[in-house]
N, C-alpha and C. Protein backbone atom coordinates (compact mmCIF):
# COMPACT_ATOMS: atom_id res chain seq x y z
N UNK A 1 0.85 -1.17 0.00
CA UNK A 1 0.00 0.00 0.00
C UNK A 1 0.89 1.23 0.00
N UNK A 2 0.59 2.18 -0.87
CA UNK A 2 1.38 3.39 -0.97
C UNK A 2 0.47 4.57 -1.26
N UNK A 3 0.67 5.66 -0.55
CA UNK A 3 -0.12 6.86 -0.76
C UNK A 3 0.81 7.97 -1.19
N UNK A 4 0.60 8.47 -2.41
CA UNK A 4 1.45 9.52 -2.95
C UNK A 4 1.00 10.88 -2.44
N UNK A 5 1.82 11.92 -2.69
CA UNK A 5 1.44 13.28 -2.33
C UNK A 5 0.15 13.67 -3.06
N UNK A 6 0.01 13.23 -4.31
CA UNK A 6 -1.19 13.52 -5.08
C UNK A 6 -2.41 12.84 -4.44
N UNK A 7 -2.23 11.60 -4.01
CA UNK A 7 -3.31 10.88 -3.34
C UNK A 7 -3.71 11.55 -2.03
N UNK A 8 -2.71 12.02 -1.28
CA UNK A 8 -3.00 12.74 -0.04
C UNK A 8 -3.78 14.02 -0.32
N UNK A 9 -3.41 14.73 -1.40
CA UNK A 9 -4.12 15.97 -1.75
C UNK A 9 -5.57 15.69 -2.09
N UNK A 10 -5.84 14.63 -2.83
CA UNK A 10 -7.22 14.27 -3.17
C UNK A 10 -7.98 13.94 -1.89
N UNK A 11 -7.35 13.17 -1.02
CA UNK A 11 -8.00 12.79 0.24
C UNK A 11 -8.23 14.00 1.15
N UNK A 12 -7.49 15.08 0.91
CA UNK A 12 -7.58 16.28 1.74
C UNK A 12 -8.25 17.44 1.01
N UNK A 13 -9.26 17.13 0.20
CA UNK A 13 -10.03 18.17 -0.51
C UNK A 13 -9.16 19.06 -1.38
N UNK A 14 -8.10 18.52 -1.93
CA UNK A 14 -7.22 19.30 -2.80
C UNK A 14 -6.24 20.18 -2.05
N UNK A 15 -6.24 20.13 -0.74
CA UNK A 15 -5.33 20.95 0.05
C UNK A 15 -4.06 20.17 0.33
N UNK A 16 -2.93 20.75 -0.03
CA UNK A 16 -1.64 20.20 0.35
C UNK A 16 -1.12 21.12 1.46
N UNK A 17 -1.21 20.66 2.71
CA UNK A 17 -0.87 21.54 3.83
C UNK A 17 0.47 22.26 3.69
N UNK A 18 1.51 21.55 3.29
CA UNK A 18 2.83 22.18 3.18
C UNK A 18 2.82 23.34 2.20
N UNK A 19 2.09 23.19 1.10
CA UNK A 19 2.00 24.29 0.12
C UNK A 19 1.29 25.49 0.72
N UNK A 20 0.24 25.24 1.49
CA UNK A 20 -0.50 26.35 2.10
C UNK A 20 0.36 27.04 3.17
N UNK A 21 1.05 26.25 4.00
CA UNK A 21 1.89 26.85 5.04
C UNK A 21 3.04 27.67 4.44
N UNK A 22 3.57 27.21 3.32
CA UNK A 22 4.72 27.87 2.70
C UNK A 22 4.34 28.95 1.69
N UNK A 23 3.06 29.16 1.51
CA UNK A 23 2.57 30.13 0.54
C UNK A 23 2.95 31.55 0.98
N UNK A 24 3.37 32.35 0.00
CA UNK A 24 3.68 33.75 0.29
C UNK A 24 2.40 34.49 0.67
N UNK A 25 2.54 35.44 1.56
CA UNK A 25 1.41 36.27 1.94
C UNK A 25 1.82 37.72 1.82
N UNK A 26 1.01 38.51 1.14
CA UNK A 26 1.36 39.90 0.88
C UNK A 26 0.96 40.86 2.00
N UNK A 27 0.49 40.34 3.12
CA UNK A 27 0.12 41.19 4.24
C UNK A 27 -1.27 41.79 4.12
N UNK A 28 -2.01 41.41 3.10
CA UNK A 28 -3.37 41.93 2.87
C UNK A 28 -4.40 40.87 3.23
N UNK A 29 -5.41 41.29 3.97
CA UNK A 29 -6.54 40.42 4.28
C UNK A 29 -7.64 40.66 3.27
N UNK A 30 -8.40 39.62 2.99
CA UNK A 30 -9.55 39.70 2.09
C UNK A 30 -10.79 39.51 2.95
N UNK A 31 -11.52 40.58 3.12
CA UNK A 31 -12.70 40.61 3.98
C UNK A 31 -13.94 40.47 3.09
N UNK A 32 -14.73 39.47 3.38
CA UNK A 32 -15.91 39.14 2.60
C UNK A 32 -17.12 39.41 3.48
N UNK A 33 -17.99 40.32 3.03
CA UNK A 33 -19.19 40.65 3.79
C UNK A 33 -20.41 40.40 2.91
N UNK A 34 -21.44 39.81 3.52
CA UNK A 34 -22.65 39.54 2.76
C UNK A 34 -23.88 39.84 3.59
N UNK A 35 -24.95 40.12 2.89
CA UNK A 35 -26.22 40.42 3.54
C UNK A 35 -27.33 39.78 2.70
N UNK A 36 -27.72 38.59 3.12
CA UNK A 36 -28.79 37.87 2.43
C UNK A 36 -29.97 37.75 3.38
N UNK A 37 -31.16 38.07 2.91
CA UNK A 37 -32.33 37.97 3.79
C UNK A 37 -32.58 36.55 4.25
N UNK A 38 -33.19 36.42 5.41
CA UNK A 38 -33.46 35.08 5.95
C UNK A 38 -34.38 34.29 5.03
N UNK A 39 -35.15 34.97 4.19
CA UNK A 39 -36.01 34.27 3.22
C UNK A 39 -35.18 33.54 2.16
N UNK A 40 -33.93 33.94 2.03
CA UNK A 40 -33.02 33.29 1.07
C UNK A 40 -32.19 32.23 1.77
N UNK A 41 -32.82 31.44 2.62
CA UNK A 41 -32.11 30.46 3.44
C UNK A 41 -31.25 29.50 2.60
N UNK A 42 -31.77 29.01 1.50
CA UNK A 42 -31.01 28.07 0.67
C UNK A 42 -29.73 28.73 0.16
N UNK A 43 -29.83 29.97 -0.30
CA UNK A 43 -28.66 30.69 -0.79
C UNK A 43 -27.69 30.97 0.35
N UNK A 44 -28.20 31.34 1.52
CA UNK A 44 -27.35 31.59 2.69
C UNK A 44 -26.59 30.33 3.08
N UNK A 45 -27.29 29.20 3.10
CA UNK A 45 -26.64 27.93 3.44
C UNK A 45 -25.59 27.55 2.40
N UNK A 46 -25.91 27.73 1.13
CA UNK A 46 -24.96 27.41 0.06
C UNK A 46 -23.72 28.28 0.19
N UNK A 47 -23.91 29.57 0.43
CA UNK A 47 -22.78 30.47 0.58
C UNK A 47 -21.97 30.11 1.84
N UNK A 48 -22.65 29.82 2.95
CA UNK A 48 -21.96 29.44 4.17
C UNK A 48 -21.12 28.18 3.99
N UNK A 49 -21.68 27.19 3.30
CA UNK A 49 -20.93 25.96 3.02
C UNK A 49 -19.70 26.26 2.17
N UNK A 50 -19.88 27.12 1.17
CA UNK A 50 -18.76 27.47 0.28
C UNK A 50 -17.66 28.21 1.06
N UNK A 51 -18.06 29.14 1.91
CA UNK A 51 -17.08 29.87 2.72
C UNK A 51 -16.33 28.93 3.65
N UNK A 52 -17.03 27.98 4.25
CA UNK A 52 -16.37 27.00 5.13
C UNK A 52 -15.42 26.12 4.33
N UNK A 53 -15.86 25.65 3.18
CA UNK A 53 -15.01 24.80 2.34
C UNK A 53 -13.73 25.52 1.94
N UNK A 54 -13.83 26.81 1.71
CA UNK A 54 -12.66 27.60 1.30
C UNK A 54 -11.90 28.19 2.48
N UNK A 55 -12.23 27.72 3.69
CA UNK A 55 -11.47 28.01 4.91
C UNK A 55 -11.47 29.47 5.31
N UNK A 56 -12.54 30.20 4.99
CA UNK A 56 -12.66 31.57 5.47
C UNK A 56 -12.82 31.56 6.98
N UNK A 57 -12.18 32.51 7.64
CA UNK A 57 -12.39 32.70 9.06
C UNK A 57 -13.65 33.52 9.28
N UNK A 58 -14.25 33.37 10.46
CA UNK A 58 -15.50 34.07 10.76
C UNK A 58 -15.23 35.16 11.80
N UNK A 59 -15.32 36.40 11.37
CA UNK A 59 -15.19 37.51 12.31
C UNK A 59 -16.54 37.82 12.94
N UNK A 60 -17.59 37.71 12.15
CA UNK A 60 -18.98 37.80 12.58
C UNK A 60 -19.76 36.88 11.65
N UNK A 61 -21.05 36.70 11.91
CA UNK A 61 -21.84 35.79 11.10
C UNK A 61 -21.76 36.04 9.61
N UNK A 62 -21.80 37.30 9.20
CA UNK A 62 -21.78 37.60 7.77
C UNK A 62 -20.52 38.36 7.36
N UNK A 63 -19.49 38.28 8.18
CA UNK A 63 -18.20 38.89 7.86
C UNK A 63 -17.13 37.82 7.99
N UNK A 64 -16.54 37.48 6.85
CA UNK A 64 -15.52 36.42 6.81
C UNK A 64 -14.22 36.99 6.30
N UNK A 65 -13.13 36.27 6.55
CA UNK A 65 -11.81 36.77 6.20
C UNK A 65 -10.93 35.64 5.68
N UNK A 66 -10.03 35.99 4.77
CA UNK A 66 -9.05 35.04 4.23
C UNK A 66 -7.75 35.79 3.96
N UNK A 67 -6.60 35.11 4.13
CA UNK A 67 -5.34 35.79 3.84
C UNK A 67 -5.03 35.87 2.34
N UNK A 68 -5.83 35.24 1.52
CA UNK A 68 -5.59 35.29 0.08
C UNK A 68 -6.90 35.34 -0.69
N UNK A 69 -6.75 35.64 -1.97
CA UNK A 69 -7.90 35.67 -2.87
C UNK A 69 -7.63 34.73 -4.03
N UNK A 70 -8.58 33.88 -4.32
CA UNK A 70 -8.46 32.94 -5.43
C UNK A 70 -9.35 33.44 -6.57
N UNK A 71 -8.81 33.52 -7.77
CA UNK A 71 -9.61 34.00 -8.90
C UNK A 71 -10.80 33.09 -9.19
N UNK A 72 -10.71 31.82 -8.84
CA UNK A 72 -11.81 30.88 -9.07
C UNK A 72 -13.03 31.22 -8.20
N UNK A 73 -12.84 32.02 -7.16
CA UNK A 73 -13.96 32.38 -6.30
C UNK A 73 -15.02 33.18 -7.04
N UNK A 74 -14.57 34.04 -7.95
CA UNK A 74 -15.54 34.85 -8.72
C UNK A 74 -16.51 33.95 -9.47
N UNK A 75 -15.97 32.95 -10.11
CA UNK A 75 -16.79 32.03 -10.90
C UNK A 75 -17.77 31.29 -9.98
N UNK A 76 -17.26 30.80 -8.86
CA UNK A 76 -18.11 30.06 -7.92
C UNK A 76 -19.25 30.94 -7.41
N UNK A 77 -18.93 32.19 -7.08
CA UNK A 77 -19.96 33.10 -6.58
C UNK A 77 -20.98 33.44 -7.67
N UNK A 78 -20.52 33.60 -8.89
CA UNK A 78 -21.44 33.86 -10.00
C UNK A 78 -22.38 32.68 -10.21
N UNK A 79 -21.85 31.47 -10.08
CA UNK A 79 -22.68 30.28 -10.26
C UNK A 79 -23.75 30.16 -9.17
N UNK A 80 -23.50 30.71 -8.00
CA UNK A 80 -24.49 30.69 -6.93
C UNK A 80 -25.60 31.71 -7.17
N UNK A 81 -25.38 32.61 -8.12
CA UNK A 81 -26.38 33.63 -8.49
C UNK A 81 -26.77 34.52 -7.31
N UNK A 82 -25.79 34.86 -6.51
CA UNK A 82 -26.01 35.78 -5.40
C UNK A 82 -25.97 37.20 -5.97
N UNK A 83 -26.98 37.99 -5.69
CA UNK A 83 -26.98 39.36 -6.22
C UNK A 83 -25.73 40.12 -5.76
N UNK A 84 -25.11 40.84 -6.68
CA UNK A 84 -23.89 41.57 -6.33
C UNK A 84 -24.14 42.61 -5.25
N UNK A 85 -25.36 43.08 -5.11
CA UNK A 85 -25.68 44.04 -4.06
C UNK A 85 -25.70 43.40 -2.68
N UNK A 86 -25.63 42.06 -2.64
CA UNK A 86 -25.70 41.35 -1.36
C UNK A 86 -24.35 40.92 -0.81
N UNK A 87 -23.28 41.17 -1.56
CA UNK A 87 -21.96 40.78 -1.07
C UNK A 87 -20.90 41.72 -1.59
N UNK A 88 -19.84 41.82 -0.81
CA UNK A 88 -18.72 42.68 -1.20
C UNK A 88 -17.43 42.09 -0.63
N UNK A 89 -16.34 42.28 -1.36
CA UNK A 89 -15.04 41.80 -0.94
C UNK A 89 -14.09 42.98 -0.85
N UNK A 90 -13.46 43.14 0.32
CA UNK A 90 -12.48 44.20 0.53
C UNK A 90 -11.11 43.57 0.70
N UNK A 91 -10.09 44.32 0.31
CA UNK A 91 -8.71 43.90 0.57
C UNK A 91 -8.06 45.00 1.40
N UNK A 92 -7.36 44.61 2.47
CA UNK A 92 -6.71 45.63 3.27
C UNK A 92 -5.92 45.07 4.43
N UNK A 93 -5.48 45.98 5.29
CA UNK A 93 -4.68 45.64 6.46
C UNK A 93 -5.36 46.19 7.71
N UNK A 94 -5.23 45.50 8.83
CA UNK A 94 -5.79 46.06 10.07
C UNK A 94 -4.97 47.26 10.53
N UNK A 95 -5.63 48.21 11.14
CA UNK A 95 -4.93 49.39 11.63
C UNK A 95 -5.23 49.62 13.10
N UNK A 96 -4.32 50.11 13.82
CA UNK A 96 -4.31 50.53 15.21
C UNK A 96 -5.11 49.68 16.20
N UNK A 97 -6.37 49.45 15.98
CA UNK A 97 -7.17 48.72 16.95
C UNK A 97 -7.02 47.21 16.82
N UNK A 98 -6.35 46.75 15.80
CA UNK A 98 -6.23 45.32 15.57
C UNK A 98 -4.85 45.00 15.00
N UNK A 99 -4.56 43.73 14.90
CA UNK A 99 -3.30 43.27 14.32
C UNK A 99 -3.58 41.99 13.55
N UNK A 100 -2.60 41.53 12.79
CA UNK A 100 -2.77 40.26 12.06
C UNK A 100 -3.04 39.12 13.04
N UNK A 101 -2.33 39.13 14.17
CA UNK A 101 -2.53 38.09 15.17
C UNK A 101 -3.96 38.13 15.71
N UNK A 102 -4.49 39.33 15.94
CA UNK A 102 -5.86 39.46 16.45
C UNK A 102 -6.86 38.95 15.41
N UNK A 103 -6.62 39.21 14.14
CA UNK A 103 -7.50 38.72 13.09
C UNK A 103 -7.52 37.19 13.13
N UNK A 104 -6.35 36.59 13.21
CA UNK A 104 -6.24 35.13 13.23
C UNK A 104 -6.96 34.54 14.43
N UNK A 105 -6.70 35.07 15.61
CA UNK A 105 -7.30 34.48 16.81
C UNK A 105 -8.80 34.75 16.92
N UNK A 106 -9.26 35.85 16.30
CA UNK A 106 -10.69 36.13 16.31
C UNK A 106 -11.45 35.33 15.25
N UNK A 107 -10.81 35.06 14.14
CA UNK A 107 -11.50 34.43 13.00
C UNK A 107 -11.51 32.91 13.04
N UNK A 108 -10.51 32.30 13.66
CA UNK A 108 -10.43 30.83 13.70
C UNK A 108 -10.25 30.38 15.13
N UNK A 109 -10.84 29.26 15.47
CA UNK A 109 -10.80 28.73 16.83
C UNK A 109 -9.60 27.78 16.97
N UNK A 110 -8.42 28.36 17.17
CA UNK A 110 -7.22 27.53 17.26
C UNK A 110 -7.17 26.63 18.49
N UNK A 111 -7.76 27.00 19.63
CA UNK A 111 -7.81 26.02 20.72
C UNK A 111 -8.56 24.75 20.30
N UNK A 112 -9.66 24.90 19.58
CA UNK A 112 -10.42 23.73 19.11
C UNK A 112 -9.64 22.98 18.03
N UNK A 113 -8.96 23.71 17.16
CA UNK A 113 -8.14 23.07 16.12
C UNK A 113 -7.05 22.24 16.78
N UNK A 114 -6.35 22.83 17.75
CA UNK A 114 -5.29 22.10 18.44
C UNK A 114 -5.83 20.92 19.24
N UNK A 115 -7.00 21.06 19.81
CA UNK A 115 -7.61 19.94 20.54
C UNK A 115 -7.81 18.74 19.60
N UNK A 116 -8.30 19.01 18.39
CA UNK A 116 -8.47 17.94 17.41
C UNK A 116 -7.13 17.30 17.04
N UNK A 117 -6.12 18.13 16.86
CA UNK A 117 -4.79 17.59 16.53
C UNK A 117 -4.19 16.83 17.71
N UNK A 118 -4.45 17.27 18.93
CA UNK A 118 -3.94 16.54 20.11
C UNK A 118 -4.51 15.12 20.15
N UNK A 119 -5.81 15.00 19.90
CA UNK A 119 -6.44 13.68 19.88
C UNK A 119 -5.83 12.84 18.75
N UNK A 120 -5.61 13.44 17.61
CA UNK A 120 -5.05 12.73 16.47
C UNK A 120 -3.62 12.26 16.77
N UNK A 121 -2.81 13.15 17.31
CA UNK A 121 -1.42 12.81 17.63
C UNK A 121 -1.37 11.68 18.66
N UNK A 122 -2.21 11.77 19.68
CA UNK A 122 -2.24 10.71 20.71
C UNK A 122 -2.57 9.36 20.09
N UNK A 123 -3.50 9.35 19.15
CA UNK A 123 -3.86 8.10 18.48
C UNK A 123 -2.69 7.57 17.66
N UNK A 124 -2.04 8.44 16.91
CA UNK A 124 -0.93 7.99 16.06
C UNK A 124 0.28 7.56 16.87
N UNK A 125 0.45 8.13 18.03
CA UNK A 125 1.61 7.76 18.84
C UNK A 125 1.44 6.39 19.49
N UNK A 126 0.23 5.84 19.40
CA UNK A 126 0.06 4.45 19.83
C UNK A 126 0.64 3.56 18.73
N UNK A 127 1.04 2.38 19.08
CA UNK A 127 1.70 1.49 18.12
C UNK A 127 0.72 1.02 17.05
N UNK A 128 1.16 1.08 15.79
CA UNK A 128 0.31 0.54 14.73
C UNK A 128 0.75 -0.85 14.31
N UNK A 129 1.99 -1.19 14.58
CA UNK A 129 2.50 -2.48 14.11
C UNK A 129 1.68 -3.64 14.67
N UNK A 130 1.38 -3.61 15.96
CA UNK A 130 0.62 -4.70 16.58
C UNK A 130 -0.77 -4.82 15.97
N UNK A 131 -1.43 -3.69 15.73
CA UNK A 131 -2.78 -3.72 15.18
C UNK A 131 -2.79 -4.24 13.75
N UNK A 132 -1.80 -3.85 12.97
CA UNK A 132 -1.75 -4.29 11.58
C UNK A 132 -1.45 -5.78 11.51
N UNK A 133 -0.50 -6.24 12.30
CA UNK A 133 -0.15 -7.65 12.30
C UNK A 133 -1.32 -8.50 12.79
N UNK A 134 -2.08 -7.97 13.75
CA UNK A 134 -3.20 -8.75 14.27
C UNK A 134 -4.46 -8.61 13.42
N UNK A 135 -4.35 -7.99 12.27
CA UNK A 135 -5.48 -7.91 11.35
C UNK A 135 -6.39 -6.72 11.57
N UNK A 136 -5.96 -5.75 12.35
CA UNK A 136 -6.80 -4.58 12.64
C UNK A 136 -6.51 -3.37 11.78
N UNK A 137 -5.88 -3.57 10.63
CA UNK A 137 -5.49 -2.44 9.77
C UNK A 137 -6.71 -1.62 9.35
N UNK A 138 -7.76 -2.27 8.93
CA UNK A 138 -8.93 -1.54 8.45
C UNK A 138 -9.52 -0.66 9.57
N UNK A 139 -9.63 -1.22 10.76
CA UNK A 139 -10.15 -0.45 11.89
C UNK A 139 -9.22 0.71 12.24
N UNK A 140 -7.91 0.44 12.21
CA UNK A 140 -6.94 1.49 12.52
C UNK A 140 -7.05 2.63 11.51
N UNK A 141 -7.11 2.28 10.22
CA UNK A 141 -7.21 3.31 9.17
C UNK A 141 -8.51 4.10 9.27
N UNK A 142 -9.60 3.43 9.61
CA UNK A 142 -10.87 4.11 9.76
C UNK A 142 -10.79 5.16 10.86
N UNK A 143 -10.25 4.78 12.01
CA UNK A 143 -10.14 5.71 13.13
C UNK A 143 -9.13 6.81 12.84
N UNK A 144 -8.03 6.46 12.19
CA UNK A 144 -7.03 7.47 11.81
C UNK A 144 -7.67 8.52 10.92
N UNK A 145 -8.42 8.08 9.92
CA UNK A 145 -9.05 9.01 8.99
C UNK A 145 -10.12 9.85 9.69
N UNK A 146 -10.89 9.24 10.57
CA UNK A 146 -11.94 9.98 11.30
C UNK A 146 -11.33 11.10 12.14
N UNK A 147 -10.26 10.78 12.87
CA UNK A 147 -9.62 11.78 13.71
C UNK A 147 -8.92 12.86 12.88
N UNK A 148 -8.29 12.44 11.78
CA UNK A 148 -7.63 13.41 10.90
C UNK A 148 -8.66 14.38 10.32
N UNK A 149 -9.76 13.85 9.81
CA UNK A 149 -10.79 14.72 9.21
C UNK A 149 -11.37 15.68 10.24
N UNK A 150 -11.56 15.25 11.46
CA UNK A 150 -12.12 16.11 12.49
C UNK A 150 -11.21 17.32 12.73
N UNK A 151 -9.91 17.11 12.75
CA UNK A 151 -8.97 18.22 12.94
C UNK A 151 -8.78 19.00 11.64
N UNK A 152 -8.59 18.29 10.56
CA UNK A 152 -8.32 18.88 9.25
C UNK A 152 -9.42 19.85 8.81
N UNK A 153 -10.68 19.48 9.01
CA UNK A 153 -11.79 20.29 8.51
C UNK A 153 -11.91 21.64 9.22
N UNK A 154 -11.35 21.78 10.40
CA UNK A 154 -11.37 23.06 11.12
C UNK A 154 -10.19 23.95 10.74
N UNK A 155 -9.13 23.36 10.24
CA UNK A 155 -7.86 24.05 10.03
C UNK A 155 -7.88 24.92 8.76
N UNK A 156 -7.56 26.21 8.88
CA UNK A 156 -7.53 27.05 7.68
C UNK A 156 -6.24 26.90 6.88
N UNK A 157 -5.24 26.22 7.43
CA UNK A 157 -3.93 26.06 6.78
C UNK A 157 -3.40 27.41 6.31
N UNK A 158 -3.24 28.30 7.28
CA UNK A 158 -2.75 29.65 7.02
C UNK A 158 -1.26 29.63 6.70
N UNK A 159 -0.75 30.69 6.06
CA UNK A 159 0.70 30.80 5.89
C UNK A 159 1.39 30.74 7.25
N UNK A 160 2.55 30.14 7.30
CA UNK A 160 3.26 29.92 8.57
C UNK A 160 3.40 31.18 9.41
N UNK A 161 3.64 32.32 8.78
CA UNK A 161 3.86 33.54 9.54
C UNK A 161 2.62 34.00 10.30
N UNK A 162 1.44 33.44 9.96
CA UNK A 162 0.20 33.81 10.64
C UNK A 162 -0.23 32.80 11.71
N UNK A 163 0.44 31.67 11.76
CA UNK A 163 0.03 30.62 12.69
C UNK A 163 0.44 30.92 14.12
N UNK A 164 -0.43 30.59 15.08
CA UNK A 164 -0.05 30.74 16.49
C UNK A 164 1.15 29.86 16.82
N UNK A 165 1.93 30.26 17.80
CA UNK A 165 3.14 29.51 18.17
C UNK A 165 2.84 28.09 18.60
N UNK A 166 1.70 27.86 19.23
CA UNK A 166 1.39 26.53 19.75
C UNK A 166 0.60 25.66 18.76
N UNK A 167 0.50 26.07 17.52
CA UNK A 167 -0.24 25.34 16.49
C UNK A 167 0.32 23.93 16.31
N UNK A 168 -0.54 22.91 16.34
CA UNK A 168 -0.11 21.52 16.27
C UNK A 168 -0.30 20.87 14.90
N UNK A 169 -0.84 21.59 13.94
CA UNK A 169 -1.12 21.01 12.63
C UNK A 169 0.10 20.47 11.91
N UNK A 170 1.21 21.19 11.97
CA UNK A 170 2.42 20.73 11.28
C UNK A 170 2.95 19.45 11.90
N UNK A 171 2.96 19.40 13.21
CA UNK A 171 3.42 18.18 13.91
C UNK A 171 2.54 16.99 13.54
N UNK A 172 1.23 17.20 13.56
CA UNK A 172 0.29 16.12 13.23
C UNK A 172 0.47 15.65 11.79
N UNK A 173 0.67 16.59 10.89
CA UNK A 173 0.81 16.24 9.47
C UNK A 173 2.09 15.42 9.24
N UNK A 174 3.19 15.84 9.85
CA UNK A 174 4.45 15.10 9.70
C UNK A 174 4.32 13.69 10.28
N UNK A 175 3.70 13.59 11.44
CA UNK A 175 3.49 12.29 12.07
C UNK A 175 2.60 11.42 11.18
N UNK A 176 1.59 12.02 10.60
CA UNK A 176 0.69 11.28 9.70
C UNK A 176 1.47 10.71 8.51
N UNK A 177 2.28 11.53 7.89
CA UNK A 177 3.06 11.06 6.74
C UNK A 177 3.97 9.90 7.14
N UNK A 178 4.63 10.01 8.30
CA UNK A 178 5.52 8.94 8.74
C UNK A 178 4.76 7.65 9.03
N UNK A 179 3.63 7.77 9.75
CA UNK A 179 2.86 6.57 10.11
C UNK A 179 2.28 5.89 8.88
N UNK A 180 1.74 6.67 7.95
CA UNK A 180 1.17 6.06 6.74
C UNK A 180 2.27 5.40 5.89
N UNK A 181 3.45 6.00 5.89
CA UNK A 181 4.57 5.39 5.17
C UNK A 181 4.99 4.07 5.83
N UNK A 182 4.89 3.98 7.16
CA UNK A 182 5.25 2.78 7.89
C UNK A 182 4.33 1.60 7.54
N UNK A 183 3.11 1.89 7.14
CA UNK A 183 2.17 0.83 6.84
C UNK A 183 2.70 -0.12 5.78
N UNK A 184 3.47 0.39 4.85
CA UNK A 184 4.02 -0.48 3.81
C UNK A 184 5.10 -1.41 4.37
N UNK A 185 5.67 -1.02 5.52
CA UNK A 185 6.76 -1.81 6.10
C UNK A 185 6.27 -2.87 7.09
N UNK A 186 5.10 -2.68 7.68
CA UNK A 186 4.67 -3.58 8.75
C UNK A 186 3.60 -4.57 8.32
N UNK A 187 3.13 -4.48 7.10
CA UNK A 187 2.08 -5.41 6.66
C UNK A 187 2.63 -6.82 6.63
N UNK A 188 1.83 -7.81 7.10
CA UNK A 188 2.31 -9.20 7.15
C UNK A 188 2.41 -9.78 5.75
């Protein structure tokens, strides 16, 4: 069994964590604000799902933030047929009352993200060789994937310079790569 970087990216919704962490950041935040009436619940839910999928941070219910802008977002938003009068995107920097660190800690719940990674790391630090040899590989992989997805889905994979000092995502990702690579060595 072998999992390539391409396979990992597919399994991770097209996100390659190392690429996201190493991505250049120009110091500009992209603030996305929308105002959709509650009668447009389907459109609100569709937009909310899209914002979550694209890892926008939540400053308020209808104010989201991202450290980058993807040109493909325009197309996606047009396909949702959201009236242009109902949403706006700003690019800028925080001034005096805020900082990049404050934006990060306000927009994403890093204590919860780290909690998910702590559970994942604890699971991976348990021995896999015994479980694989005893025929428990499928169960081990199921639980590994469940715990990884729980942490992964919360993580915005911000550029390294924006990550809190105690962020556990990099450690978890490296451990994951090592453990999955070991699977090819311990199979009976």
